[in-house]
Amino acid sequence: MNTVNDYRKFIVANHTMSKSYKDPDLITSVEAFLFQSKSCLDIFAQLIAYSFKFQISSYQDNGNGLLRILDRISVQNDEDKNNISQLIKQSVPWVKELVEMRDEVAHFSDLEGLSCFLIKQCNGSDLVVKVFYPAMPSGERVSGYMDKTWNNICALIDKCRPLLVRVAKNN
């Protein structure tokens, strides 16, 4: 804790970088991204339910709720159902990570381990300033995590969309 307090008081001459330990804009943006990403999956679950003619209100249990329902129902074309199930199964790990972080914000009001910009204190003999960029609790850069998650959501929807259209037309 003393080290953090030292960093907060420390100013490095001749540079324009600033340090931020709790950047409200970054925190709000990450939290909003987590909520909107989960909401997108919830709406996607409703599209699946509409196409297969069953009731569901959210992307339950990281997608496992959908998988249980899909396993129980019978449809005209099992191949489309099986392909959609496979895509949902493949998404479970990244959806689980997303939902756990979203739940942490929703239920505990803080994403433990989210780090904002930090500049490590320099000694007089140091030639460089070490900057730690915003990172998720896993240590992955915030921008990288958000890009990866958004691409995963888009890929899941894009791969399922033609299958869902065919299922909806046949049901």
C-alpha atoms as a PDB file:
ATOM      1  CA  MET A   1       0.000   0.000   0.000  1.00  0.00           C
ATOM      2  CA  ASN A   2       2.902   2.371   0.716  1.00  0.00           C
ATOM      3  CA  THR A   3       4.182   1.794  -2.809  1.00  0.00           C
ATOM      4  CA  VAL A   4       0.811   2.783  -4.273  1.00  0.00           C
ATOM      5  CA  ASN A   5       0.744   5.920  -2.120  1.00  0.00           C
ATOM      6  CA  ASP A   6       4.278   6.750  -3.290  1.00  0.00           C
ATOM      7  CA  TYR A   7       3.172   6.378  -6.919  1.00  0.00           C
ATOM      8  CA  ARG A   8       0.231   8.682  -6.345  1.00  0.00           C
ATOM      9  CA  LYS A   9       2.532  11.424  -5.069  1.00  0.00           C
ATOM     10  CA  PHE A  10       5.257  10.873  -7.633  1.00  0.00           C
ATOM     11  CA  ILE A  11       5.630  13.195 -10.626  1.00  0.00           C
ATOM     12  CA  VAL A  12       8.138  12.501 -13.385  1.00  0.00           C
ATOM     13  CA  ALA A  13       9.563  15.653 -14.936  1.00  0.00           C
ATOM     14  CA  ASN A  14       9.448  16.331 -18.685  1.00  0.00           C
ATOM     15  CA  HIS A  15       6.647  14.003 -19.660  1.00  0.00           C
ATOM     16  CA  THR A  16       2.948  14.435 -20.243  1.00  0.00           C
ATOM     17  CA  MET A  17       1.703  11.028 -19.125  1.00  0.00           C
ATOM     18  CA  SER A  18      -0.738  10.961 -16.272  1.00  0.00           C
ATOM     19  CA  LYS A  19      -1.608   8.094 -14.019  1.00  0.00           C
ATOM     20  CA  SER A  20      -5.100   6.993 -13.171  1.00  0.00           C
ATOM     21  CA  TYR A  21      -5.911   4.357 -10.577  1.00  0.00           C
ATOM     22  CA  LYS A  22      -9.670   4.540 -10.741  1.00  0.00           C
ATOM     23  CA  ASP A  23     -10.608   6.043 -14.100  1.00  0.00           C
ATOM     24  CA  PRO A  24     -14.413   6.440 -13.893  1.00  0.00           C
ATOM     25  CA  ASP A  25     -14.790   6.686 -17.678  1.00  0.00           C
ATOM     26  CA  LEU A  26     -12.876   3.455 -18.283  1.00  0.00           C
ATOM     27  CA  ILE A  27     -14.659   1.626 -15.475  1.00  0.00           C
ATOM     28  CA  THR A  28     -18.080   2.769 -16.706  1.00  0.00           C
ATOM     29  CA  SER A  29     -17.249   1.794 -20.285  1.00  0.00           C
ATOM     30  CA  VAL A  30     -16.058  -1.701 -19.315  1.00  0.00           C
ATOM     31  CA  GLU A  31     -19.078  -2.278 -17.085  1.00  0.00           C
ATOM     32  CA  ALA A  32     -21.450  -1.040 -19.800  1.00  0.00           C
ATOM     33  CA  PHE A  33     -19.753  -3.331 -22.320  1.00  0.00           C
ATOM     34  CA  LEU A  34     -20.231  -6.339 -20.031  1.00  0.00           C
ATOM     35  CA  PHE A  35     -23.927  -5.544 -19.506  1.00  0.00           C
ATOM     36  CA  GLN A  36     -24.620  -4.871 -23.187  1.00  0.00           C
ATOM     37  CA  SER A  37     -22.764  -8.000 -24.293  1.00  0.00           C
ATOM     38  CA  LYS A  38     -24.849 -10.175 -21.961  1.00  0.00           C
ATOM     39  CA  SER A  39     -28.019  -8.379 -23.107  1.00  0.00           C
ATOM     40  CA  CYS A  40     -27.094  -9.151 -26.699  1.00  0.00           C
ATOM     41  CA  LEU A  41     -26.820 -12.850 -25.823  1.00  0.00           C
ATOM     42  CA  ASP A  42     -30.191 -12.695 -24.020  1.00  0.00           C
ATOM     43  CA  ILE A  43     -31.849 -11.289 -27.146  1.00  0.00           C
ATOM     44  CA  PHE A  44     -30.075 -13.927 -29.241  1.00  0.00           C
ATOM     45  CA  ALA A  45     -31.553 -16.617 -26.943  1.00  0.00           C
ATOM     46  CA  GLN A  46     -35.016 -15.210 -27.638  1.00  0.00           C
ATOM     47  CA  LEU A  47     -34.381 -15.485 -31.392  1.00  0.00           C
ATOM     48  CA  ILE A  48     -33.406 -19.127 -30.931  1.00  0.00           C
ATOM     49  CA  ALA A  49     -36.539 -19.747 -28.858  1.00  0.00           C
ATOM     50  CA  TYR A  50     -38.736 -18.018 -31.450  1.00  0.00           C
ATOM     51  CA  SER A  51     -37.232 -20.062 -34.284  1.00  0.00           C
ATOM     52  CA  PHE A  52     -37.724 -23.376 -32.464  1.00  0.00           C
ATOM     53  CA  LYS A  53     -41.074 -22.364 -30.877  1.00  0.00           C
ATOM     54  CA  PHE A  54     -40.205 -22.656 -27.185  1.00  0.00           C
ATOM     55  CA  GLN A  55     -40.128 -20.213 -24.261  1.00  0.00           C
ATOM     56  CA  ILE A  56     -36.933 -18.780 -22.781  1.00  0.00           C
ATOM     57  CA  SER A  57     -36.122 -15.310 -21.479  1.00  0.00           C
ATOM     58  CA  SER A  58     -32.331 -15.245 -21.316  1.00  0.00           C
ATOM     59  CA  TYR A  59     -29.079 -16.914 -22.286  1.00  0.00           C
ATOM     60  CA  GLN A  60     -29.304 -19.057 -19.155  1.00  0.00           C
ATOM     61  CA  ASP A  61     -26.424 -20.843 -17.487  1.00  0.00           C
ATOM     62  CA  ASN A  62     -23.827 -19.661 -20.036  1.00  0.00           C
ATOM     63  CA  GLY A  63     -25.826 -21.266 -22.861  1.00  0.00           C
ATOM     64  CA  ASN A  64     -26.376 -24.585 -21.110  1.00  0.00           C
ATOM     65  CA  GLY A  65     -30.048 -23.717 -20.516  1.00  0.00           C
ATOM     66  CA  LEU A  66     -30.539 -23.457 -24.274  1.00  0.00           C
ATOM     67  CA  LEU A  67     -28.655 -26.692 -24.838  1.00  0.00           C
ATOM     68  CA  ARG A  68     -30.905 -28.590 -22.410  1.00  0.00           C
ATOM     69  CA  ILE A  69     -34.028 -27.322 -24.194  1.00  0.00           C
ATOM     70  CA  LEU A  70     -32.617 -28.056 -27.651  1.00  0.00           C
ATOM     71  CA  ASP A  71     -31.762 -31.608 -26.542  1.00  0.00           C
ATOM     72  CA  ARG A  72     -35.397 -32.211 -25.507  1.00  0.00           C
ATOM     73  CA  ILE A  73     -37.242 -30.815 -28.512  1.00  0.00           C
ATOM     74  CA  SER A  74     -37.825 -32.528 -31.818  1.00  0.00           C
ATOM     75  CA  VAL A  75     -37.659 -30.618 -35.084  1.00  0.00           C
ATOM     76  CA  GLN A  76     -38.006 -31.401 -38.743  1.00  0.00           C
ATOM     77  CA  ASN A  77     -34.299 -30.922 -39.417  1.00  0.00           C
ATOM     78  CA  ASP A  78     -32.061 -32.225 -36.643  1.00  0.00           C
ATOM     79  CA  GLU A  79     -28.931 -31.170 -38.526  1.00  0.00           C
ATOM     80  CA  ASP A  80     -29.640 -27.444 -38.035  1.00  0.00           C
ATOM     81  CA  LYS A  81     -30.500 -28.010 -34.367  1.00  0.00           C
ATOM     82  CA  ASN A  82     -27.293 -29.992 -33.842  1.00  0.00           C
ATOM     83  CA  ASN A  83     -25.184 -27.335 -35.602  1.00  0.00           C
ATOM     84  CA  ILE A  84     -26.673 -24.578 -33.445  1.00  0.00           C
ATOM     85  CA  SER A  85     -26.111 -26.693 -30.319  1.00  0.00           C
ATOM     86  CA  GLN A  86     -22.492 -27.227 -31.313  1.00  0.00           C
ATOM     87  CA  LEU A  87     -21.942 -23.481 -31.827  1.00  0.00           C
ATOM     88  CA  ILE A  88     -23.460 -22.745 -28.412  1.00  0.00           C
ATOM     89  CA  LYS A  89     -21.266 -25.429 -26.781  1.00  0.00           C
ATOM     90  CA  GLN A  90     -18.160 -23.897 -28.337  1.00  0.00           C
ATOM     91  CA  SER A  91     -19.096 -20.481 -26.923  1.00  0.00           C
ATOM     92  CA  VAL A  92     -19.568 -21.628 -23.296  1.00  0.00           C
ATOM     93  CA  PRO A  93     -16.017 -20.760 -22.056  1.00  0.00           C
ATOM     94  CA  TRP A  94     -15.968 -17.136 -23.218  1.00  0.00           C
ATOM     95  CA  VAL A  95     -19.641 -16.610 -22.314  1.00  0.00           C
ATOM     96  CA  LYS A  96     -18.947 -17.972 -18.812  1.00  0.00           C
ATOM     97  CA  GLU A  97     -16.091 -15.490 -18.354  1.00  0.00           C
ATOM     98  CA  LEU A  98     -18.262 -12.620 -19.622  1.00  0.00           C
ATOM     99  CA  VAL A  99     -21.208 -13.517 -17.380  1.00  0.00           C
ATOM    100  CA  GLU A 100     -19.033 -13.970 -14.287  1.00  0.00           C
ATOM    101  CA  MET A 101     -17.557 -10.488 -14.717  1.00  0.00           C
ATOM    102  CA  ARG A 102     -20.974  -8.972 -15.476  1.00  0.00           C
ATOM    103  CA  ASP A 103     -22.413 -10.659 -12.366  1.00  0.00           C
ATOM    104  CA  GLU A 104     -19.547  -9.331 -10.254  1.00  0.00           C
ATOM    105  CA  VAL A 105     -20.442  -5.790 -11.335  1.00  0.00           C
ATOM    106  CA  ALA A 106     -24.186  -6.390 -10.996  1.00  0.00           C
ATOM    107  CA  HIS A 107     -24.071  -8.035  -7.561  1.00  0.00           C
ATOM    108  CA  PHE A 108     -20.975  -6.564  -5.939  1.00  0.00           C
ATOM    109  CA  SER A 109     -20.780  -3.192  -7.755  1.00  0.00           C
ATOM    110  CA  ASP A 110     -17.134  -3.617  -8.683  1.00  0.00           C
ATOM    111  CA  LEU A 111     -15.104  -5.644 -11.140  1.00  0.00           C
ATOM    112  CA  GLU A 112     -12.356  -6.838  -8.842  1.00  0.00           C
ATOM    113  CA  GLY A 113      -8.996  -6.770 -10.552  1.00  0.00           C
ATOM    114  CA  LEU A 114      -9.827  -4.277 -13.316  1.00  0.00           C
ATOM    115  CA  SER A 115      -6.786  -2.041 -13.549  1.00  0.00           C
ATOM    116  CA  CYS A 116      -6.542   1.366 -15.145  1.00  0.00           C
ATOM    117  CA  PHE A 117      -3.430   3.210 -16.359  1.00  0.00           C
ATOM    118  CA  LEU A 118      -0.513   3.074 -13.987  1.00  0.00           C
ATOM    119  CA  ILE A 119       2.937   4.573 -14.364  1.00  0.00           C
ATOM    120  CA  LYS A 120       5.641   2.882 -12.336  1.00  0.00           C
ATOM    121  CA  GLN A 121       7.773   5.203 -10.274  1.00  0.00           C
ATOM    122  CA  CYS A 122      11.198   5.905 -11.775  1.00  0.00           C
ATOM    123  CA  ASN A 123      14.547   6.250 -10.129  1.00  0.00           C
ATOM    124  CA  GLY A 124      16.880   9.042 -11.177  1.00  0.00           C
ATOM    125  CA  SER A 125      18.983   6.608 -13.212  1.00  0.00           C
ATOM    126  CA  ASP A 126      16.055   5.047 -15.125  1.00  0.00           C
ATOM    127  CA  LEU A 127      15.897   5.745 -18.850  1.00  0.00           C
ATOM    128  CA  VAL A 128      12.275   4.705 -19.357  1.00  0.00           C
ATOM    129  CA  VAL A 129       8.938   5.044 -17.659  1.00  0.00           C
ATOM    130  CA  LYS A 130       7.015   1.773 -17.380  1.00  0.00           C
ATOM    131  CA  VAL A 131       3.318   2.159 -18.227  1.00  0.00           C
ATOM    132  CA  PHE A 132       0.775  -0.497 -17.321  1.00  0.00           C
ATOM    133  CA  TYR A 133      -2.229  -0.265 -19.643  1.00  0.00           C
ATOM    134  CA  PRO A 134      -5.813  -0.909 -18.596  1.00  0.00           C
ATOM    135  CA  ALA A 135      -6.283  -4.622 -18.023  1.00  0.00           C
ATOM    136  CA  MET A 136      -9.067  -7.037 -17.211  1.00  0.00           C
ATOM    137  CA  PRO A 137      -8.833  -9.160 -14.035  1.00  0.00           C
ATOM    138  CA  SER A 138      -7.131 -11.872 -16.119  1.00  0.00           C
ATOM    139  CA  GLY A 139      -4.392  -9.399 -17.089  1.00  0.00           C
ATOM    140  CA  GLU A 140      -5.575  -9.189 -20.707  1.00  0.00           C
ATOM    141  CA  ARG A 141      -5.638  -5.649 -22.110  1.00  0.00           C
ATOM    142  CA  VAL A 142      -9.111  -4.109 -21.909  1.00  0.00           C
ATOM    143  CA  SER A 143      -9.159  -3.239 -25.608  1.00  0.00           C
ATOM    144  CA  GLY A 144      -8.099  -6.770 -26.562  1.00  0.00           C
ATOM    145  CA  TYR A 145     -10.760  -8.358 -24.363  1.00  0.00           C
ATOM    146  CA  MET A 146     -13.511  -6.124 -25.721  1.00  0.00           C
ATOM    147  CA  ASP A 147     -12.488  -6.747 -29.343  1.00  0.00           C
ATOM    148  CA  LYS A 148     -12.281 -10.512 -28.804  1.00  0.00           C
ATOM    149  CA  THR A 149     -15.642 -10.696 -27.022  1.00  0.00           C
ATOM    150  CA  TRP A 150     -17.419  -8.552 -29.613  1.00  0.00           C
ATOM    151  CA  ASN A 151     -15.969 -10.668 -32.425  1.00  0.00           C
ATOM    152  CA  ASN A 152     -17.082 -13.850 -30.613  1.00  0.00           C
ATOM    153  CA  ILE A 153     -20.640 -12.536 -30.251  1.00  0.00           C
ATOM    154  CA  CYS A 154     -20.810 -11.462 -33.900  1.00  0.00           C
ATOM    155  CA  ALA A 155     -19.367 -14.776 -35.109  1.00  0.00           C
ATOM    156  CA  LEU A 156     -21.839 -16.793 -33.019  1.00  0.00           C
ATOM    157  CA  ILE A 157     -24.801 -14.818 -34.345  1.00  0.00           C
ATOM    158  CA  ASP A 158     -23.526 -14.816 -37.945  1.00  0.00           C
ATOM    159  CA  LYS A 159     -22.994 -18.601 -37.937  1.00  0.00           C
ATOM    160  CA  CYS A 160     -26.389 -19.298 -36.339  1.00  0.00           C
ATOM    161  CA  ARG A 161     -28.443 -16.803 -38.349  1.00  0.00           C
ATOM    162  CA  PRO A 162     -28.881 -18.816 -41.588  1.00  0.00           C
ATOM    163  CA  LEU A 163     -29.616 -21.956 -39.564  1.00  0.00           C
ATOM    164  CA  LEU A 164     -32.241 -20.138 -37.481  1.00  0.00           C
ATOM    165  CA  VAL A 165     -33.898 -18.698 -40.584  1.00  0.00           C
ATOM    166  CA  ARG A 166     -34.189 -22.187 -42.069  1.00  0.00           C
ATOM    167  CA  VAL A 167     -35.537 -23.609 -38.783  1.00  0.00           C
ATOM    168  CA  ALA A 168     -38.086 -20.790 -38.431  1.00  0.00           C
ATOM    169  CA  LYS A 169     -39.330 -21.310 -41.993  1.00  0.00           C
ATOM    170  CA  ASN A 170     -39.746 -25.061 -41.431  1.00  0.00           C
ATOM    171  CA  ASN A 171     -41.490 -24.828 -38.042  1.00  0.00           C
END
